[in-house]
């Protein structure tokens, strides 16, 4: 299920997924997400910045969610390698 927080005038949406892999016994999690302005139509291209960590393995859903929020915050703060474009701001 998608969850989101508000941060500095943006919304950070994160979806933690269970991951099943022979390399990681049991269930671990990864996440995908995006950053956008409130009330943005997220399905319209160019109005959001997507991010994900499909190769990471987090111990539970909450850990994946927290790291996803931190990655979203770094996009908003422009410290992420893929910062917000001017048209999203």
C-alpha atoms as a PDB file:
ATOM      1  CA  UNK A   1       0.000   0.000   0.000  1.00  0.00           C
ATOM      2  CA  UNK A   2       1.266   3.485  -0.865  1.00  0.00           C
ATOM      3  CA  UNK A   3       2.011   5.719   2.103  1.00  0.00           C
ATOM      4  CA  UNK A   4       3.119   9.309   2.092  1.00  0.00           C
ATOM      5  CA  UNK A   5       4.419  12.145   4.207  1.00  0.00           C
ATOM      6  CA  UNK A   6       4.583  15.877   3.591  1.00  0.00           C
ATOM      7  CA  UNK A   7       8.005  17.481   3.617  1.00  0.00           C
ATOM      8  CA  UNK A   8       8.908  21.106   2.868  1.00  0.00           C
ATOM      9  CA  UNK A   9       5.866  21.649   0.655  1.00  0.00           C
ATOM     10  CA  UNK A  10       6.188  18.321  -1.205  1.00  0.00           C
ATOM     11  CA  UNK A  11       4.651  14.887  -0.825  1.00  0.00           C
ATOM     12  CA  UNK A  12       6.909  11.845  -0.618  1.00  0.00           C
ATOM     13  CA  UNK A  13       5.092   8.653  -1.591  1.00  0.00           C
ATOM     14  CA  UNK A  14       6.688   5.283  -0.790  1.00  0.00           C
ATOM     15  CA  UNK A  15       5.518   1.735  -1.473  1.00  0.00           C
ATOM     16  CA  UNK A  16       7.444  -1.026   0.380  1.00  0.00           C
ATOM     17  CA  UNK A  17       7.342  -4.404  -1.416  1.00  0.00           C
ATOM     18  CA  UNK A  18       8.115  -7.874  -0.059  1.00  0.00           C
ATOM     19  CA  UNK A  19      11.081  -9.438  -1.815  1.00  0.00           C
ATOM     20  CA  UNK A  20      11.584 -13.177  -2.154  1.00  0.00           C
ATOM     21  CA  UNK A  21      15.060 -14.232  -3.197  1.00  0.00           C
ATOM     22  CA  UNK A  22      17.312 -17.272  -2.697  1.00  0.00           C
ATOM     23  CA  UNK A  23      20.086 -14.814  -1.810  1.00  0.00           C
ATOM     24  CA  UNK A  24      18.070 -13.501   1.131  1.00  0.00           C
ATOM     25  CA  UNK A  25      16.417 -16.218   3.231  1.00  0.00           C
ATOM     26  CA  UNK A  26      12.954 -15.368   4.471  1.00  0.00           C
ATOM     27  CA  UNK A  27      11.156 -12.256   3.381  1.00  0.00           C
ATOM     28  CA  UNK A  28      12.937  -8.966   2.973  1.00  0.00           C
ATOM     29  CA  UNK A  29      11.674  -5.692   1.536  1.00  0.00           C
ATOM     30  CA  UNK A  30      12.572  -3.099  -1.061  1.00  0.00           C
ATOM     31  CA  UNK A  31      10.770   0.114  -2.028  1.00  0.00           C
ATOM     32  CA  UNK A  32       9.763   2.410  -4.813  1.00  0.00           C
ATOM     33  CA  UNK A  33       8.471   5.949  -4.563  1.00  0.00           C
ATOM     34  CA  UNK A  34       8.110   9.405  -5.964  1.00  0.00           C
ATOM     35  CA  UNK A  35       8.200  13.057  -4.927  1.00  0.00           C
ATOM     36  CA  UNK A  36       5.611  15.576  -6.131  1.00  0.00           C
ATOM     37  CA  UNK A  37       3.724  18.688  -5.112  1.00  0.00           C
ATOM     38  CA  UNK A  38       0.421  18.200  -3.270  1.00  0.00           C
ATOM     39  CA  UNK A  39      -2.570  17.810  -5.599  1.00  0.00           C
ATOM     40  CA  UNK A  40      -0.281  16.983  -8.548  1.00  0.00           C
ATOM     41  CA  UNK A  41      -1.557  14.421 -11.008  1.00  0.00           C
ATOM     42  CA  UNK A  42       1.230  11.928 -10.385  1.00  0.00           C
ATOM     43  CA  UNK A  43       0.376   9.866 -13.467  1.00  0.00           C
ATOM     44  CA  UNK A  44       1.219  12.828 -15.726  1.00  0.00           C
ATOM     45  CA  UNK A  45       4.858  12.707 -16.780  1.00  0.00           C
ATOM     46  CA  UNK A  46       7.210  15.424 -15.617  1.00  0.00           C
ATOM     47  CA  UNK A  47       5.266  16.337 -12.486  1.00  0.00           C
ATOM     48  CA  UNK A  48       7.145  13.980 -10.184  1.00  0.00           C
ATOM     49  CA  UNK A  49      10.540  12.425  -9.548  1.00  0.00           C
ATOM     50  CA  UNK A  50      10.592   8.633  -9.198  1.00  0.00           C
ATOM     51  CA  UNK A  51      13.081   6.637  -7.135  1.00  0.00           C
ATOM     52  CA  UNK A  52      13.526   3.033  -5.979  1.00  0.00           C
ATOM     53  CA  UNK A  53      15.913   0.577  -4.361  1.00  0.00           C
ATOM     54  CA  UNK A  54      15.025  -2.786  -5.923  1.00  0.00           C
ATOM     55  CA  UNK A  55      18.410  -4.329  -5.100  1.00  0.00           C
ATOM     56  CA  UNK A  56      18.346  -3.406  -1.421  1.00  0.00           C
ATOM     57  CA  UNK A  57      17.062  -5.835   1.186  1.00  0.00           C
ATOM     58  CA  UNK A  58      15.475  -4.341   4.280  1.00  0.00           C
ATOM     59  CA  UNK A  59      14.566  -6.463   7.276  1.00  0.00           C
ATOM     60  CA  UNK A  60      10.924  -5.362   7.352  1.00  0.00           C
ATOM     61  CA  UNK A  61       8.362  -3.085   5.740  1.00  0.00           C
ATOM     62  CA  UNK A  62       8.920  -0.252   8.205  1.00  0.00           C
ATOM     63  CA  UNK A  63      12.682  -0.186   7.565  1.00  0.00           C
ATOM     64  CA  UNK A  64      12.090   0.024   3.799  1.00  0.00           C
ATOM     65  CA  UNK A  65       9.516   2.765   4.347  1.00  0.00           C
ATOM     66  CA  UNK A  66      11.868   4.844   6.518  1.00  0.00           C
ATOM     67  CA  UNK A  67      14.757   4.602   4.048  1.00  0.00           C
ATOM     68  CA  UNK A  68      12.358   5.458   1.222  1.00  0.00           C
ATOM     69  CA  UNK A  69      11.246   8.593   3.050  1.00  0.00           C
ATOM     70  CA  UNK A  70      14.884   9.565   3.623  1.00  0.00           C
ATOM     71  CA  UNK A  71      15.651   9.141  -0.072  1.00  0.00           C
ATOM     72  CA  UNK A  72      12.622  11.280  -0.947  1.00  0.00           C
ATOM     73  CA  UNK A  73      13.784  13.960   1.491  1.00  0.00           C
ATOM     74  CA  UNK A  74      17.218  13.999  -0.139  1.00  0.00           C
ATOM     75  CA  UNK A  75      15.542  14.634  -3.512  1.00  0.00           C
ATOM     76  CA  UNK A  76      13.626  17.585  -2.064  1.00  0.00           C
ATOM     77  CA  UNK A  77      16.776  18.877  -0.331  1.00  0.00           C
ATOM     78  CA  UNK A  78      18.709  18.535  -3.621  1.00  0.00           C
ATOM     79  CA  UNK A  79      21.387  16.334  -2.049  1.00  0.00           C
ATOM     80  CA  UNK A  80      20.342  13.264  -4.035  1.00  0.00           C
ATOM     81  CA  UNK A  81      22.113  12.399  -7.312  1.00  0.00           C
ATOM     82  CA  UNK A  82      18.719  12.874  -9.001  1.00  0.00           C
ATOM     83  CA  UNK A  83      17.390  16.181  -7.600  1.00  0.00           C
ATOM     84  CA  UNK A  84      14.093  17.827  -8.433  1.00  0.00           C
ATOM     85  CA  UNK A  85      13.793  19.470 -11.823  1.00  0.00           C
ATOM     86  CA  UNK A  86      12.706  23.090 -11.898  1.00  0.00           C
ATOM     87  CA  UNK A  87       9.314  22.178 -13.429  1.00  0.00           C
ATOM     88  CA  UNK A  88       8.470  20.019 -10.371  1.00  0.00           C
ATOM     89  CA  UNK A  89       9.291  22.785  -7.943  1.00  0.00           C
END
